[in-house]
Amino acid sequence: MKTKPCLTLFLFTFIRSVSAADSKIEQAVRDQDAQWSKAAESRDVDKLVSFYADDAIVLPAHAAIATTKDSIRNIFQRLLSIPGVALSWKPTK
């Protein structure tokens, strides 16, 4: 019966370490979200594009699919050149 307490301790330790890692990952994602919004707010198109992988695909409304960084850059340049347009988001959970 000694194995049950050891197993319980192992599982508790494992779950705590996974939870801590998840918290760090979550914070990293939240930080990236905030940086993306800051770049959008400042209309820094190059910074916005830097968040996208080389093989990213962007599906803009009523436009062709963007499959290159240049086409993604063009989307943001056109969008952010519209007076009064603002892009931002903030996670709520």
N, C-alpha and C. Protein backbone atom coordinates (compact mmCIF):
# COMPACT_ATOMS: atom_id res chain seq x y z
N MET A 1 0.80 -1.21 0.00
CA MET A 1 0.00 0.00 0.00
C MET A 1 0.84 1.27 0.00
N LYS A 2 2.14 1.15 0.09
CA LYS A 2 2.99 2.33 0.07
C LYS A 2 3.01 3.00 -1.31
N THR A 3 2.65 2.27 -2.32
CA THR A 3 2.69 2.84 -3.66
C THR A 3 1.62 3.90 -3.87
N LYS A 4 0.50 3.78 -3.22
CA LYS A 4 -0.56 4.78 -3.41
C LYS A 4 -0.14 6.17 -2.94
N PRO A 5 0.44 6.32 -1.74
CA PRO A 5 0.88 7.66 -1.34
C PRO A 5 1.98 8.19 -2.27
N CYS A 6 2.87 7.34 -2.71
CA CYS A 6 3.94 7.79 -3.61
C CYS A 6 3.36 8.22 -4.95
N LEU A 7 2.42 7.44 -5.44
CA LEU A 7 1.78 7.78 -6.70
C LEU A 7 1.01 9.10 -6.57
N THR A 8 0.32 9.27 -5.48
CA THR A 8 -0.43 10.50 -5.25
C THR A 8 0.52 11.70 -5.20
N LEU A 9 1.63 11.55 -4.49
CA LEU A 9 2.61 12.63 -4.41
C LEU A 9 3.19 12.94 -5.79
N PHE A 10 3.49 11.90 -6.55
CA PHE A 10 4.02 12.09 -7.90
C PHE A 10 3.02 12.85 -8.77
N LEU A 11 1.77 12.41 -8.75
CA LEU A 11 0.75 13.06 -9.57
C LEU A 11 0.54 14.51 -9.15
N PHE A 12 0.54 14.77 -7.86
CA PHE A 12 0.37 16.13 -7.37
C PHE A 12 1.53 17.01 -7.86
N THR A 13 2.75 16.50 -7.75
CA THR A 13 3.92 17.24 -8.20
C THR A 13 3.88 17.47 -9.70
N PHE A 14 3.50 16.44 -10.44
CA PHE A 14 3.41 16.55 -11.90
C PHE A 14 2.37 17.58 -12.31
N ILE A 15 1.21 17.53 -11.70
CA ILE A 15 0.14 18.46 -12.03
C ILE A 15 0.55 19.90 -11.70
N ARG A 16 1.22 20.09 -10.59
CA ARG A 16 1.68 21.44 -10.23
C ARG A 16 2.68 21.96 -11.25
N SER A 17 3.61 21.11 -11.70
CA SER A 17 4.61 21.57 -12.66
C SER A 17 3.97 21.87 -14.01
N VAL A 18 3.01 21.07 -14.42
CA VAL A 18 2.29 21.33 -15.67
C VAL A 18 1.50 22.62 -15.55
N SER A 19 0.87 22.82 -14.42
CA SER A 19 0.09 24.03 -14.21
C SER A 19 0.98 25.27 -14.25
N ALA A 20 2.16 25.20 -13.66
CA ALA A 20 3.08 26.33 -13.69
C ALA A 20 3.54 26.61 -15.12
N ALA A 21 3.82 25.56 -15.87
CA ALA A 21 4.23 25.73 -17.26
C ALA A 21 3.10 26.34 -18.08
N ASP A 22 1.88 25.87 -17.84
CA ASP A 22 0.73 26.42 -18.55
C ASP A 22 0.56 27.90 -18.25
N SER A 23 0.78 28.29 -17.01
CA SER A 23 0.66 29.70 -16.63
C SER A 23 1.69 30.55 -17.36
N LYS A 24 2.90 30.04 -17.50
CA LYS A 24 3.94 30.79 -18.22
C LYS A 24 3.59 30.91 -19.70
N ILE A 25 3.08 29.84 -20.27
CA ILE A 25 2.68 29.88 -21.68
C ILE A 25 1.53 30.85 -21.87
N GLU A 26 0.56 30.78 -20.98
CA GLU A 26 -0.58 31.69 -21.07
C GLU A 26 -0.13 33.14 -20.99
N GLN A 27 0.79 33.43 -20.07
CA GLN A 27 1.27 34.80 -19.93
C GLN A 27 2.02 35.25 -21.18
N ALA A 28 2.79 34.34 -21.77
CA ALA A 28 3.52 34.68 -23.00
C ALA A 28 2.55 35.02 -24.13
N VAL A 29 1.48 34.26 -24.23
CA VAL A 29 0.47 34.53 -25.27
C VAL A 29 -0.21 35.87 -24.99
N ARG A 30 -0.55 36.12 -23.74
CA ARG A 30 -1.17 37.40 -23.39
C ARG A 30 -0.24 38.57 -23.70
N ASP A 31 1.05 38.40 -23.43
CA ASP A 31 2.02 39.45 -23.73
C ASP A 31 2.08 39.71 -25.24
N GLN A 32 2.07 38.64 -26.03
CA GLN A 32 2.09 38.81 -27.48
C GLN A 32 0.81 39.50 -27.97
N ASP A 33 -0.32 39.14 -27.38
CA ASP A 33 -1.58 39.82 -27.72
C ASP A 33 -1.46 41.32 -27.47
N ALA A 34 -0.93 41.67 -26.32
CA ALA A 34 -0.79 43.09 -25.96
C ALA A 34 0.15 43.81 -26.92
N GLN A 35 1.24 43.15 -27.29
CA GLN A 35 2.18 43.76 -28.23
C GLN A 35 1.55 43.93 -29.61
N TRP A 36 0.76 42.94 -30.03
CA TRP A 36 0.08 43.04 -31.32
C TRP A 36 -0.87 44.24 -31.31
N SER A 37 -1.65 44.36 -30.25
CA SER A 37 -2.60 45.47 -30.16
C SER A 37 -1.87 46.81 -30.13
N LYS A 38 -0.75 46.86 -29.45
CA LYS A 38 0.03 48.10 -29.39
C LYS A 38 0.54 48.47 -30.78
N ALA A 39 1.00 47.47 -31.53
CA ALA A 39 1.47 47.72 -32.89
C ALA A 39 0.32 48.20 -33.78
N ALA A 40 -0.84 47.60 -33.62
CA ALA A 40 -2.01 48.01 -34.40
C ALA A 40 -2.42 49.43 -34.04
N GLU A 41 -2.42 49.73 -32.75
CA GLU A 41 -2.81 51.06 -32.29
C GLU A 41 -1.87 52.13 -32.84
N SER A 42 -0.59 51.81 -32.91
CA SER A 42 0.39 52.77 -33.42
C SER A 42 0.53 52.71 -34.94
N ARG A 43 -0.27 51.83 -35.56
CA ARG A 43 -0.28 51.67 -37.02
C ARG A 43 1.09 51.28 -37.57
N ASP A 44 1.80 50.46 -36.80
CA ASP A 44 3.12 49.97 -37.18
C ASP A 44 2.94 48.67 -37.98
N VAL A 45 2.79 48.82 -39.28
CA VAL A 45 2.49 47.69 -40.15
C VAL A 45 3.62 46.65 -40.12
N ASP A 46 4.86 47.10 -40.15
CA ASP A 46 5.97 46.15 -40.13
C ASP A 46 5.97 45.32 -38.84
N LYS A 47 5.67 45.95 -37.72
CA LYS A 47 5.59 45.22 -36.46
C LYS A 47 4.43 44.22 -36.49
N LEU A 48 3.30 44.65 -37.02
CA LEU A 48 2.16 43.74 -37.13
C LEU A 48 2.52 42.51 -37.95
N VAL A 49 3.15 42.73 -39.08
CA VAL A 49 3.51 41.62 -39.96
C VAL A 49 4.52 40.70 -39.29
N SER A 50 5.35 41.24 -38.42
CA SER A 50 6.37 40.41 -37.76
C SER A 50 5.75 39.33 -36.86
N PHE A 51 4.51 39.48 -36.49
CA PHE A 51 3.85 38.47 -35.67
C PHE A 51 3.41 37.25 -36.48
N TYR A 52 3.43 37.36 -37.79
CA TYR A 52 2.96 36.28 -38.65
C TYR A 52 4.12 35.43 -39.14
N ALA A 53 3.92 34.12 -39.14
CA ALA A 53 4.92 33.18 -39.64
C ALA A 53 5.06 33.35 -41.15
N ASP A 54 6.18 32.88 -41.66
CA ASP A 54 6.41 32.97 -43.11
C ASP A 54 5.35 32.24 -43.91
N ASP A 55 4.76 31.21 -43.34
CA ASP A 55 3.73 30.45 -44.06
C ASP A 55 2.32 30.76 -43.56
N ALA A 56 2.16 31.93 -42.95
CA ALA A 56 0.85 32.32 -42.43
C ALA A 56 -0.14 32.54 -43.57
N ILE A 57 -1.39 32.36 -43.26
CA ILE A 57 -2.47 32.63 -44.20
C ILE A 57 -3.47 33.54 -43.49
N VAL A 58 -3.81 34.64 -44.14
CA VAL A 58 -4.78 35.58 -43.59
C VAL A 58 -5.98 35.60 -44.52
N LEU A 59 -7.16 35.52 -43.94
CA LEU A 59 -8.39 35.49 -44.72
C LEU A 59 -9.17 36.79 -44.50
N PRO A 60 -8.82 37.83 -45.25
CA PRO A 60 -9.54 39.10 -45.08
C PRO A 60 -10.95 39.02 -45.67
N ALA A 61 -11.83 39.77 -45.09
CA ALA A 61 -13.21 39.79 -45.59
C ALA A 61 -13.26 40.41 -46.98
N HIS A 62 -13.97 39.78 -47.87
CA HIS A 62 -14.22 40.30 -49.22
C HIS A 62 -12.93 40.60 -49.99
N ALA A 63 -11.91 39.79 -49.78
CA ALA A 63 -10.64 39.99 -50.49
C ALA A 63 -9.97 38.63 -50.68
N ALA A 64 -8.94 38.64 -51.50
CA ALA A 64 -8.21 37.40 -51.76
C ALA A 64 -7.44 36.96 -50.52
N ILE A 65 -7.23 35.67 -50.41
CA ILE A 65 -6.46 35.11 -49.31
C ILE A 65 -5.02 35.62 -49.40
N ALA A 66 -4.48 36.04 -48.28
CA ALA A 66 -3.09 36.50 -48.23
C ALA A 66 -2.21 35.34 -47.78
N THR A 67 -1.26 34.96 -48.62
CA THR A 67 -0.42 33.80 -48.32
C THR A 67 1.06 34.15 -48.21
N THR A 68 1.39 35.42 -48.32
CA THR A 68 2.79 35.85 -48.16
C THR A 68 2.82 37.04 -47.20
N LYS A 69 3.99 37.30 -46.67
CA LYS A 69 4.10 38.45 -45.77
C LYS A 69 3.83 39.76 -46.51
N ASP A 70 4.21 39.82 -47.77
CA ASP A 70 3.93 41.04 -48.55
C ASP A 70 2.42 41.25 -48.71
N SER A 71 1.70 40.18 -48.98
CA SER A 71 0.25 40.34 -49.13
C SER A 71 -0.41 40.64 -47.78
N ILE A 72 0.12 40.08 -46.71
CA ILE A 72 -0.40 40.41 -45.37
C ILE A 72 -0.11 41.88 -45.05
N ARG A 73 1.09 42.32 -45.40
CA ARG A 73 1.46 43.73 -45.19
C ARG A 73 0.50 44.64 -45.96
N ASN A 74 0.19 44.28 -47.20
CA ASN A 74 -0.73 45.09 -48.00
C ASN A 74 -2.11 45.18 -47.36
N ILE A 75 -2.57 44.08 -46.80
CA ILE A 75 -3.87 44.09 -46.12
C ILE A 75 -3.87 45.11 -44.99
N PHE A 76 -2.84 45.04 -44.15
CA PHE A 76 -2.79 45.96 -43.01
C PHE A 76 -2.57 47.40 -43.46
N GLN A 77 -1.76 47.61 -44.49
CA GLN A 77 -1.56 48.97 -44.98
C GLN A 77 -2.86 49.58 -45.47
N ARG A 78 -3.61 48.80 -46.24
CA ARG A 78 -4.90 49.30 -46.74
C ARG A 78 -5.88 49.53 -45.59
N LEU A 79 -5.96 48.57 -44.70
CA LEU A 79 -6.91 48.67 -43.59
C LEU A 79 -6.59 49.85 -42.68
N LEU A 80 -5.33 50.00 -42.33
CA LEU A 80 -4.96 51.05 -41.38
C LEU A 80 -4.88 52.43 -42.03
N SER A 81 -4.98 52.49 -43.34
CA SER A 81 -5.00 53.79 -44.00
C SER A 81 -6.41 54.39 -44.03
N ILE A 82 -7.40 53.60 -43.66
CA ILE A 82 -8.78 54.09 -43.61
C ILE A 82 -8.94 54.98 -42.38
N PRO A 83 -9.37 56.22 -42.57
CA PRO A 83 -9.54 57.12 -41.41
C PRO A 83 -10.52 56.53 -40.39
N GLY A 84 -10.12 56.60 -39.15
CA GLY A 84 -10.99 56.15 -38.06
C GLY A 84 -10.95 54.66 -37.76
N VAL A 85 -10.26 53.89 -38.57
CA VAL A 85 -10.18 52.45 -38.32
C VAL A 85 -9.20 52.18 -37.18
N ALA A 86 -9.62 51.33 -36.27
CA ALA A 86 -8.75 50.94 -35.16
C ALA A 86 -8.85 49.43 -34.97
N LEU A 87 -7.73 48.81 -34.74
CA LEU A 87 -7.69 47.37 -34.49
C LEU A 87 -7.16 47.13 -33.08
N SER A 88 -7.86 46.30 -32.35
CA SER A 88 -7.35 45.90 -31.03
C SER A 88 -8.19 44.75 -30.52
N TRP A 89 -7.64 44.05 -29.59
CA TRP A 89 -8.40 43.06 -28.84
C TRP A 89 -7.72 42.84 -27.52
N LYS A 90 -8.49 42.31 -26.61
CA LYS A 90 -7.96 42.00 -25.30
C LYS A 90 -8.64 40.72 -24.83
N PRO A 91 -7.85 39.73 -24.46
CA PRO A 91 -8.46 38.49 -23.98
C PRO A 91 -9.26 38.74 -22.70
N THR A 92 -10.36 38.04 -22.58
CA THR A 92 -11.20 38.21 -21.40
C THR A 92 -11.17 37.00 -20.49
N LYS A 93 -10.54 35.95 -20.91
CA LYS A 93 -10.45 34.75 -20.07
C LYS A 93 -9.04 34.26 -20.02
